[in-house]
C-alpha cells in the first residue's frame, strides 16, 4: 500500500510499490503482474514460455501475444522476434530445429528433413545426394546440422533419413556404375572401366587384352 496517505491505497496490478513509495512502479517489459500489493520488482511474473510481454505495467498476457514463427521465447521475452540468444534463453530457432508460432520448445527436424539455418518455422525436405537423420538433441536449443552427404557406394534420391540401403530412398550403386560420396544417381563407368559388383564408389580398369 502507498505510504503517507490517510487511507492507504492497494498497489495496482501491473505495478510494484517499494516500501515508503508514494507512487507505483510499473513491472518492466518481459514481465507482468496480475496481483495487487507487490513491493519488489522481483515479484513481477516472467512472461511465460511461447509468449512475449512488450510493455511495462502489463497486468495480464493476451493469448494472442505468441512468439513469432521461427523464434523461441523461453521466458521474460519482450519481443516476438528475439534476434539473438539472451540471458533468459530467448533466441531465433536453432539450426536443425523448427519453431512454429508460440512453440514451447524448439522441435528437432524429423528424419528425412533438415534445417541448416536458424530462425526457421519449418524444416525442409532432405535434398538428393544427402541423408538427414533426427537430431541427437531433440529438445535442445543448440545449433546442430543434420544434413549429411550420402555415403560412397550408395545414392540417395531425396528424403532419406538413414545412410544405408534400409532406407527406402537410399540404394546400392548398381553394377556397371559407380557412386562417389554425395551421389544422387549412379554414374556409368567410362570406356575402359567396368564394375561387376554393387555398392562401388569407383570403377575398375579393364585388364589388358
C-alpha atoms as a PDB file:
ATOM      1  CA  UNK A   1       0.000   0.000   0.000  1.00  0.00           C
ATOM      2  CA  UNK A   2       1.141   3.553  -0.616  1.00  0.00           C
ATOM      3  CA  UNK A   3       2.672   5.264   2.372  1.00  0.00           C
ATOM      4  CA  UNK A   4       1.853   8.797   3.510  1.00  0.00           C
ATOM      5  CA  UNK A   5      -1.871   8.720   2.760  1.00  0.00           C
ATOM      6  CA  UNK A   6      -4.642   8.929   5.351  1.00  0.00           C
ATOM      7  CA  UNK A   7      -6.276   5.986   3.586  1.00  0.00           C
ATOM      8  CA  UNK A   8      -3.648   3.631   2.062  1.00  0.00           C
ATOM      9  CA  UNK A   9      -4.405   2.533  -1.492  1.00  0.00           C
ATOM     10  CA  UNK A  10      -3.548  -1.004  -2.723  1.00  0.00           C
ATOM     11  CA  UNK A  11      -0.644  -1.155  -5.143  1.00  0.00           C
ATOM     12  CA  UNK A  12      -2.350  -1.737  -8.546  1.00  0.00           C
ATOM     13  CA  UNK A  13      -1.882  -4.708 -10.833  1.00  0.00           C
ATOM     14  CA  UNK A  14       0.913  -4.344 -13.373  1.00  0.00           C
ATOM     15  CA  UNK A  15       2.984  -2.494 -10.783  1.00  0.00           C
ATOM     16  CA  UNK A  16       5.027  -2.900  -7.628  1.00  0.00           C
ATOM     17  CA  UNK A  17       5.340  -0.435  -4.783  1.00  0.00           C
ATOM     18  CA  UNK A  18       8.546  -0.435  -2.731  1.00  0.00           C
ATOM     19  CA  UNK A  19       8.207   0.349   0.952  1.00  0.00           C
ATOM     20  CA  UNK A  20       7.830   4.082   1.617  1.00  0.00           C
ATOM     21  CA  UNK A  21       6.820   4.586  -2.025  1.00  0.00           C
ATOM     22  CA  UNK A  22       4.236   7.222  -2.850  1.00  0.00           C
ATOM     23  CA  UNK A  23       3.750   6.200  -6.494  1.00  0.00           C
ATOM     24  CA  UNK A  24       3.608   2.745  -8.134  1.00  0.00           C
ATOM     25  CA  UNK A  25       6.442   1.489 -10.355  1.00  0.00           C
ATOM     26  CA  UNK A  26       5.445  -0.427 -13.461  1.00  0.00           C
ATOM     27  CA  UNK A  27       6.673  -4.001 -13.897  1.00  0.00           C
ATOM     28  CA  UNK A  28       9.250  -3.946 -16.728  1.00  0.00           C
ATOM     29  CA  UNK A  29       8.736  -5.281 -20.271  1.00  0.00           C
ATOM     30  CA  UNK A  30       9.149  -9.051 -20.322  1.00  0.00           C
ATOM     31  CA  UNK A  31       7.085  -9.362 -17.133  1.00  0.00           C
ATOM     32  CA  UNK A  32       3.521  -8.794 -15.932  1.00  0.00           C
ATOM     33  CA  UNK A  33       1.627  -8.741 -12.654  1.00  0.00           C
ATOM     34  CA  UNK A  34      -1.977  -9.765 -12.083  1.00  0.00           C
ATOM     35  CA  UNK A  35      -1.883  -9.242  -8.302  1.00  0.00           C
ATOM     36  CA  UNK A  36      -2.070  -6.219  -6.032  1.00  0.00           C
ATOM     37  CA  UNK A  37       0.326  -5.131  -3.314  1.00  0.00           C
ATOM     38  CA  UNK A  38       3.667  -6.239  -4.743  1.00  0.00           C
ATOM     39  CA  UNK A  39       6.604  -4.486  -3.113  1.00  0.00           C
ATOM     40  CA  UNK A  40       9.577  -5.671  -5.233  1.00  0.00           C
ATOM     41  CA  UNK A  41      10.357  -5.837  -8.936  1.00  0.00           C
ATOM     42  CA  UNK A  42      11.413  -9.474  -8.458  1.00  0.00           C
ATOM     43  CA  UNK A  43       7.783 -10.276  -7.625  1.00  0.00           C
ATOM     44  CA  UNK A  44       6.683  -9.383 -11.161  1.00  0.00           C
ATOM     45  CA  UNK A  45       5.850 -12.561 -13.070  1.00  0.00           C
ATOM     46  CA  UNK A  46       8.113 -13.511 -16.011  1.00  0.00           C
ATOM     47  CA  UNK A  47       6.346 -13.600 -19.347  1.00  0.00           C
ATOM     48  CA  UNK A  48       5.513 -17.295 -19.946  1.00  0.00           C
ATOM     49  CA  UNK A  49       7.159 -19.576 -22.477  1.00  0.00           C
ATOM     50  CA  UNK A  50       5.880 -19.083 -26.017  1.00  0.00           C
ATOM     51  CA  UNK A  51       4.652 -15.540 -25.299  1.00  0.00           C
ATOM     52  CA  UNK A  52       6.041 -12.015 -25.201  1.00  0.00           C
ATOM     53  CA  UNK A  53       5.228  -9.042 -22.973  1.00  0.00           C
ATOM     54  CA  UNK A  54       6.230  -5.851 -24.827  1.00  0.00           C
ATOM     55  CA  UNK A  55       5.067  -3.137 -22.454  1.00  0.00           C
ATOM     56  CA  UNK A  56       5.790  -2.017 -18.915  1.00  0.00           C
ATOM     57  CA  UNK A  57       2.894  -2.279 -16.484  1.00  0.00           C
ATOM     58  CA  UNK A  58       1.121  -5.263 -18.048  1.00  0.00           C
ATOM     59  CA  UNK A  59      -1.409  -6.926 -15.748  1.00  0.00           C
ATOM     60  CA  UNK A  60      -2.014  -9.969 -17.986  1.00  0.00           C
ATOM     61  CA  UNK A  61      -0.648 -11.681 -21.092  1.00  0.00           C
ATOM     62  CA  UNK A  62      -3.060 -11.652 -24.050  1.00  0.00           C
ATOM     63  CA  UNK A  63      -3.358 -15.146 -25.582  1.00  0.00           C
ATOM     64  CA  UNK A  64      -2.574 -13.580 -28.952  1.00  0.00           C
ATOM     65  CA  UNK A  65       0.873 -12.420 -27.760  1.00  0.00           C
ATOM     66  CA  UNK A  66       2.572 -15.502 -29.191  1.00  0.00           C
ATOM     67  CA  UNK A  67       6.242 -15.652 -30.131  1.00  0.00           C
ATOM     68  CA  UNK A  68       6.608 -15.447 -33.916  1.00  0.00           C
ATOM     69  CA  UNK A  69       7.207 -18.466 -36.131  1.00  0.00           C
ATOM     70  CA  UNK A  70      10.949 -19.099 -36.379  1.00  0.00           C
ATOM     71  CA  UNK A  71      11.671 -17.844 -32.846  1.00  0.00           C
ATOM     72  CA  UNK A  72      11.718 -19.309 -29.341  1.00  0.00           C
ATOM     73  CA  UNK A  73      10.509 -17.218 -26.391  1.00  0.00           C
ATOM     74  CA  UNK A  74      11.727 -19.068 -23.311  1.00  0.00           C
ATOM     75  CA  UNK A  75      10.955 -16.595 -20.523  1.00  0.00           C
ATOM     76  CA  UNK A  76      10.851 -12.834 -19.886  1.00  0.00           C
ATOM     77  CA  UNK A  77      10.542 -12.147 -23.631  1.00  0.00           C
ATOM     78  CA  UNK A  78       9.658  -8.574 -24.563  1.00  0.00           C
ATOM     79  CA  UNK A  79       9.703  -9.140 -28.347  1.00  0.00           C
ATOM     80  CA  UNK A  80       8.061 -11.795 -30.558  1.00  0.00           C
ATOM     81  CA  UNK A  81      11.286 -11.956 -32.596  1.00  0.00           C
ATOM     82  CA  UNK A  82      14.321 -12.137 -30.269  1.00  0.00           C
ATOM     83  CA  UNK A  83      17.228 -11.529 -32.645  1.00  0.00           C
ATOM     84  CA  UNK A  84      19.939 -13.268 -30.588  1.00  0.00           C
ATOM     85  CA  UNK A  85      20.304 -15.557 -27.582  1.00  0.00           C
ATOM     86  CA  UNK A  86      19.756 -13.608 -24.362  1.00  0.00           C
ATOM     87  CA  UNK A  87      20.191 -14.360 -20.657  1.00  0.00           C
ATOM     88  CA  UNK A  88      16.703 -15.877 -20.438  1.00  0.00           C
ATOM     89  CA  UNK A  89      17.138 -18.257 -23.398  1.00  0.00           C
ATOM     90  CA  UNK A  90      15.056 -16.239 -25.869  1.00  0.00           C
ATOM     91  CA  UNK A  91      16.505 -16.606 -29.366  1.00  0.00           C
ATOM     92  CA  UNK A  92      15.955 -17.378 -33.033  1.00  0.00           C
ATOM     93  CA  UNK A  93      15.052 -21.022 -33.556  1.00  0.00           C
ATOM     94  CA  UNK A  94      18.337 -23.013 -33.596  1.00  0.00           C
ATOM     95  CA  UNK A  95      19.614 -24.856 -36.664  1.00  0.00           C
ATOM     96  CA  UNK A  96      18.355 -28.426 -37.023  1.00  0.00           C
ATOM     97  CA  UNK A  97      15.049 -27.406 -35.435  1.00  0.00           C
ATOM     98  CA  UNK A  98      11.840 -25.609 -36.326  1.00  0.00           C
ATOM     99  CA  UNK A  99       9.702 -23.303 -34.206  1.00  0.00           C
ATOM    100  CA  UNK A 100       6.010 -22.795 -35.042  1.00  0.00           C
ATOM    101  CA  UNK A 101       4.299 -19.720 -33.586  1.00  0.00           C
ATOM    102  CA  UNK A 102       4.181 -19.887 -29.778  1.00  0.00           C
ATOM    103  CA  UNK A 103       6.247 -23.082 -29.561  1.00  0.00           C
ATOM    104  CA  UNK A 104       7.081 -24.227 -26.010  1.00  0.00           C
ATOM    105  CA  UNK A 105      10.489 -25.632 -27.036  1.00  0.00           C
ATOM    106  CA  UNK A 106      12.398 -25.878 -30.354  1.00  0.00           C
ATOM    107  CA  UNK A 107      11.373 -29.065 -32.183  1.00  0.00           C
ATOM    108  CA  UNK A 108      14.018 -31.257 -33.820  1.00  0.00           C
ATOM    109  CA  UNK A 109      13.584 -31.693 -37.567  1.00  0.00           C
ATOM    110  CA  UNK A 110      12.019 -35.117 -38.238  1.00  0.00           C
ATOM    111  CA  UNK A 111      14.115 -37.774 -40.002  1.00  0.00           C
ATOM    112  CA  UNK A 112      14.244 -37.108 -43.728  1.00  0.00           C
ATOM    113  CA  UNK A 113      14.136 -33.333 -43.247  1.00  0.00           C
ATOM    114  CA  UNK A 114      16.715 -30.710 -42.292  1.00  0.00           C
ATOM    115  CA  UNK A 115      17.283 -27.076 -41.461  1.00  0.00           C
ATOM    116  CA  UNK A 116      20.779 -25.597 -41.640  1.00  0.00           C
ATOM    117  CA  UNK A 117      19.983 -22.015 -40.726  1.00  0.00           C
ATOM    118  CA  UNK A 118      18.461 -20.667 -37.560  1.00  0.00           C
ATOM    119  CA  UNK A 119      15.190 -18.773 -37.372  1.00  0.00           C
ATOM    120  CA  UNK A 120      13.106 -21.357 -39.230  1.00  0.00           C
ATOM    121  CA  UNK A 121       9.423 -22.077 -38.816  1.00  0.00           C
ATOM    122  CA  UNK A 122       9.528 -25.282 -40.879  1.00  0.00           C
ATOM    123  CA  UNK A 123      12.055 -27.958 -41.869  1.00  0.00           C
ATOM    124  CA  UNK A 124      12.987 -28.736 -45.461  1.00  0.00           C
ATOM    125  CA  UNK A 125      12.817 -31.991 -47.434  1.00  0.00           C
ATOM    126  CA  UNK A 126      16.227 -33.700 -47.365  1.00  0.00           C
ATOM    127  CA  UNK A 127      17.791 -32.997 -50.774  1.00  0.00           C
ATOM    128  CA  UNK A 128      19.093 -35.663 -53.181  1.00  0.00           C
ATOM    129  CA  UNK A 129      22.667 -36.741 -52.501  1.00  0.00           C
ATOM    130  CA  UNK A 130      22.211 -36.495 -48.741  1.00  0.00           C
ATOM    131  CA  UNK A 131      20.511 -38.131 -45.801  1.00  0.00           C
ATOM    132  CA  UNK A 132      19.039 -36.342 -42.813  1.00  0.00           C
ATOM    133  CA  UNK A 133      18.803 -38.215 -39.510  1.00  0.00           C
ATOM    134  CA  UNK A 134      16.933 -36.915 -36.482  1.00  0.00           C
ATOM    135  CA  UNK A 135      18.936 -34.547 -34.332  1.00  0.00           C
ATOM    136  CA  UNK A 136      20.745 -36.033 -31.356  1.00  0.00           C
ATOM    137  CA  UNK A 137      19.288 -33.280 -29.137  1.00  0.00           C
ATOM    138  CA  UNK A 138      15.549 -33.375 -29.919  1.00  0.00           C
ATOM    139  CA  UNK A 139      14.583 -30.906 -27.189  1.00  0.00           C
ATOM    140  CA  UNK A 140      17.812 -28.927 -27.044  1.00  0.00           C
ATOM    141  CA  UNK A 141      18.483 -25.418 -28.217  1.00  0.00           C
ATOM    142  CA  UNK A 142      21.995 -25.842 -29.591  1.00  0.00           C
ATOM    143  CA  UNK A 143      22.541 -25.322 -33.312  1.00  0.00           C
ATOM    144  CA  UNK A 144      23.017 -28.719 -34.914  1.00  0.00           C
ATOM    145  CA  UNK A 145      23.461 -29.794 -38.521  1.00  0.00           C
ATOM    146  CA  UNK A 146      21.568 -32.871 -39.710  1.00  0.00           C
ATOM    147  CA  UNK A 147      22.420 -32.761 -43.436  1.00  0.00           C
ATOM    148  CA  UNK A 148      24.978 -35.477 -44.250  1.00  0.00           C
ATOM    149  CA  UNK A 149      26.423 -36.486 -47.634  1.00  0.00           C
ATOM    150  CA  UNK A 150      25.225 -39.839 -48.960  1.00  0.00           C
ATOM    151  CA  UNK A 151      27.932 -42.476 -48.246  1.00  0.00           C
ATOM    152  CA  UNK A 152      30.181 -43.637 -51.067  1.00  0.00           C
ATOM    153  CA  UNK A 153      28.837 -46.724 -52.839  1.00  0.00           C
ATOM    154  CA  UNK A 154      25.240 -45.588 -52.373  1.00  0.00           C
ATOM    155  CA  UNK A 155      22.995 -42.992 -53.929  1.00  0.00           C
ATOM    156  CA  UNK A 156      20.285 -41.008 -52.119  1.00  0.00           C
ATOM    157  CA  UNK A 157      17.330 -39.780 -54.159  1.00  0.00           C
ATOM    158  CA  UNK A 158      15.904 -37.284 -51.614  1.00  0.00           C
ATOM    159  CA  UNK A 159      14.027 -37.534 -48.340  1.00  0.00           C
ATOM    160  CA  UNK A 160      16.464 -40.100 -46.899  1.00  0.00           C
ATOM    161  CA  UNK A 161      16.721 -40.413 -43.125  1.00  0.00           C
ATOM    162  CA  UNK A 162      19.320 -43.192 -42.854  1.00  0.00           C
ATOM    163  CA  UNK A 163      22.633 -43.558 -44.671  1.00  0.00           C
ATOM    164  CA  UNK A 164      22.179 -47.145 -45.819  1.00  0.00           C
ATOM    165  CA  UNK A 165      20.010 -49.164 -48.165  1.00  0.00           C
ATOM    166  CA  UNK A 166      17.484 -49.973 -45.428  1.00  0.00           C
ATOM    167  CA  UNK A 167      16.050 -46.530 -46.159  1.00  0.00           C
ATOM    168  CA  UNK A 168      13.528 -46.502 -48.998  1.00  0.00           C
ATOM    169  CA  UNK A 169      15.280 -43.513 -50.539  1.00  0.00           C
ATOM    170  CA  UNK A 170      18.825 -44.930 -50.463  1.00  0.00           C
ATOM    171  CA  UNK A 171      20.077 -47.543 -52.947  1.00  0.00           C
ATOM    172  CA  UNK A 172      23.197 -49.605 -53.565  1.00  0.00           C
ATOM    173  CA  UNK A 173      25.129 -48.421 -56.577  1.00  0.00           C
ATOM    174  CA  UNK A 174      24.355 -50.954 -59.380  1.00  0.00           C
ATOM    175  CA  UNK A 175      26.847 -52.895 -61.480  1.00  0.00           C
ATOM    176  CA  UNK A 176      28.455 -51.058 -64.396  1.00  0.00           C
ATOM    177  CA  UNK A 177      28.194 -47.822 -62.361  1.00  0.00           C
ATOM    178  CA  UNK A 178      29.978 -46.032 -59.536  1.00  0.00           C
ATOM    179  CA  UNK A 179      28.723 -43.726 -56.785  1.00  0.00           C
ATOM    180  CA  UNK A 180      31.142 -41.372 -55.006  1.00  0.00           C
ATOM    181  CA  UNK A 181      30.167 -39.734 -51.729  1.00  0.00           C
ATOM    182  CA  UNK A 182      27.191 -37.404 -52.113  1.00  0.00           C
ATOM    183  CA  UNK A 183      25.704 -39.181 -55.136  1.00  0.00           C
ATOM    184  CA  UNK A 184      22.068 -38.660 -56.058  1.00  0.00           C
ATOM    185  CA  UNK A 185      22.190 -41.056 -59.026  1.00  0.00           C
ATOM    186  CA  UNK A 186      24.607 -43.753 -60.306  1.00  0.00           C
ATOM    187  CA  UNK A 187      27.311 -42.727 -62.769  1.00  0.00           C
ATOM    188  CA  UNK A 188      28.039 -45.053 -65.717  1.00  0.00           C
ATOM    189  CA  UNK A 189      31.606 -46.378 -65.880  1.00  0.00           C
ATOM    190  CA  UNK A 190      33.615 -44.749 -68.633  1.00  0.00           C
ATOM    191  CA  UNK A 191      35.020 -46.666 -71.598  1.00  0.00           C
ATOM    192  CA  UNK A 192      37.877 -48.891 -70.496  1.00  0.00           C
ATOM    193  CA  UNK A 193      36.481 -49.259 -66.986  1.00  0.00           C
ATOM    194  CA  UNK A 194      33.966 -51.702 -65.516  1.00  0.00           C
ATOM    195  CA  UNK A 195      32.180 -52.769 -62.359  1.00  0.00           C
ATOM    196  CA  UNK A 196      30.872 -56.260 -61.745  1.00  0.00           C
ATOM    197  CA  UNK A 197      29.821 -55.528 -58.136  1.00  0.00           C
ATOM    198  CA  UNK A 198      27.146 -53.439 -56.496  1.00  0.00           C
ATOM    199  CA  UNK A 199      27.885 -50.759 -53.948  1.00  0.00           C
ATOM    200  CA  UNK A 200      31.107 -49.494 -55.531  1.00  0.00           C
ATOM    201  CA  UNK A 201      32.421 -45.949 -55.272  1.00  0.00           C
ATOM    202  CA  UNK A 202      34.809 -46.324 -58.217  1.00  0.00           C
ATOM    203  CA  UNK A 203      35.104 -48.409 -61.379  1.00  0.00           C
ATOM    204  CA  UNK A 204      37.881 -50.878 -62.088  1.00  0.00           C
ATOM    205  CA  UNK A 205      40.194 -50.597 -65.072  1.00  0.00           C
ATOM    206  CA  UNK A 206      39.607 -53.210 -67.749  1.00  0.00           C
ATOM    207  CA  UNK A 207      42.502 -55.689 -67.933  1.00  0.00           C
ATOM    208  CA  UNK A 208      44.803 -55.519 -70.958  1.00  0.00           C
ATOM    209  CA  UNK A 209      43.919 -57.735 -73.892  1.00  0.00           C
END
